[in-house]
Amino acid sequence: MRYSLLPDCVDAMGKFEFFVYRKKGIEPSQIPLEVRREVIQWVYDQPDEAMFKVEAKPDFTYKPVKGSFNKTKCSVCGEYVFDRYVRMKDGLPVCIPCSGYEKAVLVER
């Protein structure tokens, strides 16, 4: 089975104040409780049919990804990183920290 959110549901959720905070990079736990409760209650109140598209996938077979000890040396810091965590930056393999990925930081204006 495949479950996906209906576009109308996503559009309706986007109108809540909660998502104004999220678009600014504010973590959910830092959003005022009443703002969080409003969207949570709305979700609880929706019937499944208004939120989800459900599709049978009779030919689908789950194939778990095999773990691997294959590793690559980060071209920036020189540390080894398991291949599934390697990122490419300027055509070179790098670890996630050296890739430039950073968690969203709240900037006060």
C-alpha atoms as a PDB file:
ATOM      1  CA  MET A   1       0.000   0.000   0.000  1.00  0.00           C
ATOM      2  CA  ARG A   2       1.120   3.538  -0.667  1.00  0.00           C
ATOM      3  CA  TYR A   3      -0.192   6.406   1.422  1.00  0.00           C
ATOM      4  CA  SER A   4       0.357  10.005   0.353  1.00  0.00           C
ATOM      5  CA  LEU A   5      -1.014  13.321   1.536  1.00  0.00           C
ATOM      6  CA  LEU A   6      -3.627  14.856  -0.720  1.00  0.00           C
ATOM      7  CA  PRO A   7      -2.596  18.206  -2.230  1.00  0.00           C
ATOM      8  CA  ASP A   8      -5.714  19.916  -0.839  1.00  0.00           C
ATOM      9  CA  CYS A   9      -4.759  18.733   2.646  1.00  0.00           C
ATOM     10  CA  VAL A  10      -1.220  20.064   2.287  1.00  0.00           C
ATOM     11  CA  ASP A  11      -2.598  23.391   1.021  1.00  0.00           C
ATOM     12  CA  ALA A  12      -5.003  23.618   3.970  1.00  0.00           C
ATOM     13  CA  MET A  13      -2.257  22.879   6.507  1.00  0.00           C
ATOM     14  CA  GLY A  14      -0.059  25.558   4.963  1.00  0.00           C
ATOM     15  CA  LYS A  15      -2.518  28.229   6.045  1.00  0.00           C
ATOM     16  CA  PHE A  16      -1.854  27.658   9.748  1.00  0.00           C
ATOM     17  CA  GLU A  17       0.392  30.033  11.696  1.00  0.00           C
ATOM     18  CA  PHE A  18       2.552  27.018  12.661  1.00  0.00           C
ATOM     19  CA  PHE A  19       4.021  26.933   9.151  1.00  0.00           C
ATOM     20  CA  VAL A  20       4.874  30.638   9.228  1.00  0.00           C
ATOM     21  CA  TYR A  21       7.200  29.797  12.125  1.00  0.00           C
ATOM     22  CA  ARG A  22       8.582  26.688  10.378  1.00  0.00           C
ATOM     23  CA  LYS A  23       9.403  28.635   7.211  1.00  0.00           C
ATOM     24  CA  LYS A  24      11.544  30.899   9.395  1.00  0.00           C
ATOM     25  CA  GLY A  25      13.487  27.818  10.542  1.00  0.00           C
ATOM     26  CA  ILE A  26      11.975  27.720  14.021  1.00  0.00           C
ATOM     27  CA  GLU A  27      11.918  24.217  15.453  1.00  0.00           C
ATOM     28  CA  PRO A  28       8.446  22.888  16.362  1.00  0.00           C
ATOM     29  CA  SER A  29       9.341  22.667  20.060  1.00  0.00           C
ATOM     30  CA  GLN A  30      10.096  26.409  20.020  1.00  0.00           C
ATOM     31  CA  ILE A  31       6.739  27.401  18.493  1.00  0.00           C
ATOM     32  CA  PRO A  32       4.131  28.618  21.010  1.00  0.00           C
ATOM     33  CA  LEU A  33       2.080  25.753  22.385  1.00  0.00           C
ATOM     34  CA  GLU A  34      -1.285  27.174  21.293  1.00  0.00           C
ATOM     35  CA  VAL A  35      -0.022  27.548  17.714  1.00  0.00           C
ATOM     36  CA  ARG A  36       1.093  23.904  17.723  1.00  0.00           C
ATOM     37  CA  ARG A  37      -2.143  22.709  19.281  1.00  0.00           C
ATOM     38  CA  GLU A  38      -4.222  24.470  16.644  1.00  0.00           C
ATOM     39  CA  VAL A  39      -2.708  22.566  13.712  1.00  0.00           C
ATOM     40  CA  ILE A  40      -2.514  19.278  15.630  1.00  0.00           C
ATOM     41  CA  GLN A  41      -6.202  19.484  16.532  1.00  0.00           C
ATOM     42  CA  TRP A  42      -7.079  20.273  12.926  1.00  0.00           C
ATOM     43  CA  VAL A  43      -5.210  17.156  11.764  1.00  0.00           C
ATOM     44  CA  TYR A  44      -6.931  14.998  14.397  1.00  0.00           C
ATOM     45  CA  ASP A  45     -10.320  16.316  13.256  1.00  0.00           C
ATOM     46  CA  GLN A  46      -9.812  15.385   9.585  1.00  0.00           C
ATOM     47  CA  PRO A  47     -11.237  12.137   8.259  1.00  0.00           C
ATOM     48  CA  ASP A  48      -8.633   9.891   6.638  1.00  0.00           C
ATOM     49  CA  GLU A  49     -10.277  10.328   3.223  1.00  0.00           C
ATOM     50  CA  ALA A  50      -9.708  14.096   3.387  1.00  0.00           C
ATOM     51  CA  MET A  51      -6.011  13.681   4.104  1.00  0.00           C
ATOM     52  CA  PHE A  52      -4.692  10.595   2.357  1.00  0.00           C
ATOM     53  CA  LYS A  53      -4.614   9.006  -1.045  1.00  0.00           C
ATOM     54  CA  VAL A  54      -4.340   5.234  -0.610  1.00  0.00           C
ATOM     55  CA  GLU A  55      -3.092   3.100  -3.474  1.00  0.00           C
ATOM     56  CA  ALA A  56      -2.656  -0.640  -3.635  1.00  0.00           C
ATOM     57  CA  LYS A  57       0.787  -1.685  -4.863  1.00  0.00           C
ATOM     58  CA  PRO A  58       0.331  -5.416  -5.492  1.00  0.00           C
ATOM     59  CA  ASP A  59       3.618  -5.820  -7.368  1.00  0.00           C
ATOM     60  CA  PHE A  60       5.731  -4.051  -4.728  1.00  0.00           C
ATOM     61  CA  THR A  61       8.322  -6.136  -2.909  1.00  0.00           C
ATOM     62  CA  TYR A  62      10.226  -4.626  -0.012  1.00  0.00           C
ATOM     63  CA  LYS A  63      13.974  -5.051  -0.406  1.00  0.00           C
ATOM     64  CA  PRO A  64      15.928  -3.767   2.584  1.00  0.00           C
ATOM     65  CA  VAL A  65      19.177  -2.036   1.775  1.00  0.00           C
ATOM     66  CA  LYS A  66      22.146  -4.156   2.721  1.00  0.00           C
ATOM     67  CA  GLY A  67      24.521  -2.616   5.192  1.00  0.00           C
ATOM     68  CA  SER A  68      27.990  -2.041   3.880  1.00  0.00           C
ATOM     69  CA  PHE A  69      31.385  -1.375   5.372  1.00  0.00           C
ATOM     70  CA  ASN A  70      32.571   0.271   2.151  1.00  0.00           C
ATOM     71  CA  LYS A  71      34.176   3.558   3.009  1.00  0.00           C
ATOM     72  CA  THR A  72      35.667   6.575   1.286  1.00  0.00           C
ATOM     73  CA  LYS A  73      38.108   9.149   2.585  1.00  0.00           C
ATOM     74  CA  CYS A  74      36.692  12.680   2.820  1.00  0.00           C
ATOM     75  CA  SER A  75      38.608  14.915   0.421  1.00  0.00           C
ATOM     76  CA  VAL A  76      38.431  17.816   2.887  1.00  0.00           C
ATOM     77  CA  CYS A  77      39.129  16.481   6.401  1.00  0.00           C
ATOM     78  CA  GLY A  78      40.661  13.130   5.448  1.00  0.00           C
ATOM     79  CA  GLU A  79      38.414  11.076   7.733  1.00  0.00           C
ATOM     80  CA  TYR A  80      36.790   7.913   6.455  1.00  0.00           C
ATOM     81  CA  VAL A  81      33.044   7.939   5.980  1.00  0.00           C
ATOM     82  CA  PHE A  82      30.751   5.030   5.128  1.00  0.00           C
ATOM     83  CA  ASP A  83      29.745   5.289   1.475  1.00  0.00           C
ATOM     84  CA  ARG A  84      26.054   5.783   2.173  1.00  0.00           C
ATOM     85  CA  TYR A  85      26.927   9.026   3.977  1.00  0.00           C
ATOM     86  CA  VAL A  86      29.314  10.379   1.336  1.00  0.00           C
ATOM     87  CA  ARG A  87      28.226  13.581  -0.383  1.00  0.00           C
ATOM     88  CA  MET A  88      29.758  15.084  -3.493  1.00  0.00           C
ATOM     89  CA  LYS A  89      31.040  18.660  -3.401  1.00  0.00           C
ATOM     90  CA  ASP A  90      32.790  20.160  -6.420  1.00  0.00           C
ATOM     91  CA  GLY A  91      33.065  16.636  -7.826  1.00  0.00           C
ATOM     92  CA  LEU A  92      34.901  15.284  -4.780  1.00  0.00           C
ATOM     93  CA  PRO A  93      33.679  12.915  -2.041  1.00  0.00           C
ATOM     94  CA  VAL A  94      33.147  14.591   1.322  1.00  0.00           C
ATOM     95  CA  CYS A  95      31.633  13.711   4.681  1.00  0.00           C
ATOM     96  CA  ILE A  96      28.372  15.392   5.693  1.00  0.00           C
ATOM     97  CA  PRO A  97      30.000  18.030   7.957  1.00  0.00           C
ATOM     98  CA  CYS A  98      32.450  19.000   5.199  1.00  0.00           C
ATOM     99  CA  SER A  99      29.640  19.081   2.616  1.00  0.00           C
ATOM    100  CA  GLY A 100      28.439  22.368   4.058  1.00  0.00           C
ATOM    101  CA  TYR A 101      25.206  20.962   5.432  1.00  0.00           C
ATOM    102  CA  GLU A 102      24.176  22.813   8.557  1.00  0.00           C
ATOM    103  CA  LYS A 103      21.048  22.563  10.636  1.00  0.00           C
ATOM    104  CA  ALA A 104      18.780  25.564  10.281  1.00  0.00           C
ATOM    105  CA  VAL A 105      19.859  28.309  12.639  1.00  0.00           C
ATOM    106  CA  LEU A 106      17.307  30.779  13.942  1.00  0.00           C
ATOM    107  CA  VAL A 107      18.370  34.312  13.082  1.00  0.00           C
ATOM    108  CA  GLU A 108      16.737  37.057  15.122  1.00  0.00           C
ATOM    109  CA  ARG A 109      15.761  40.104  13.099  1.00  0.00           C
END
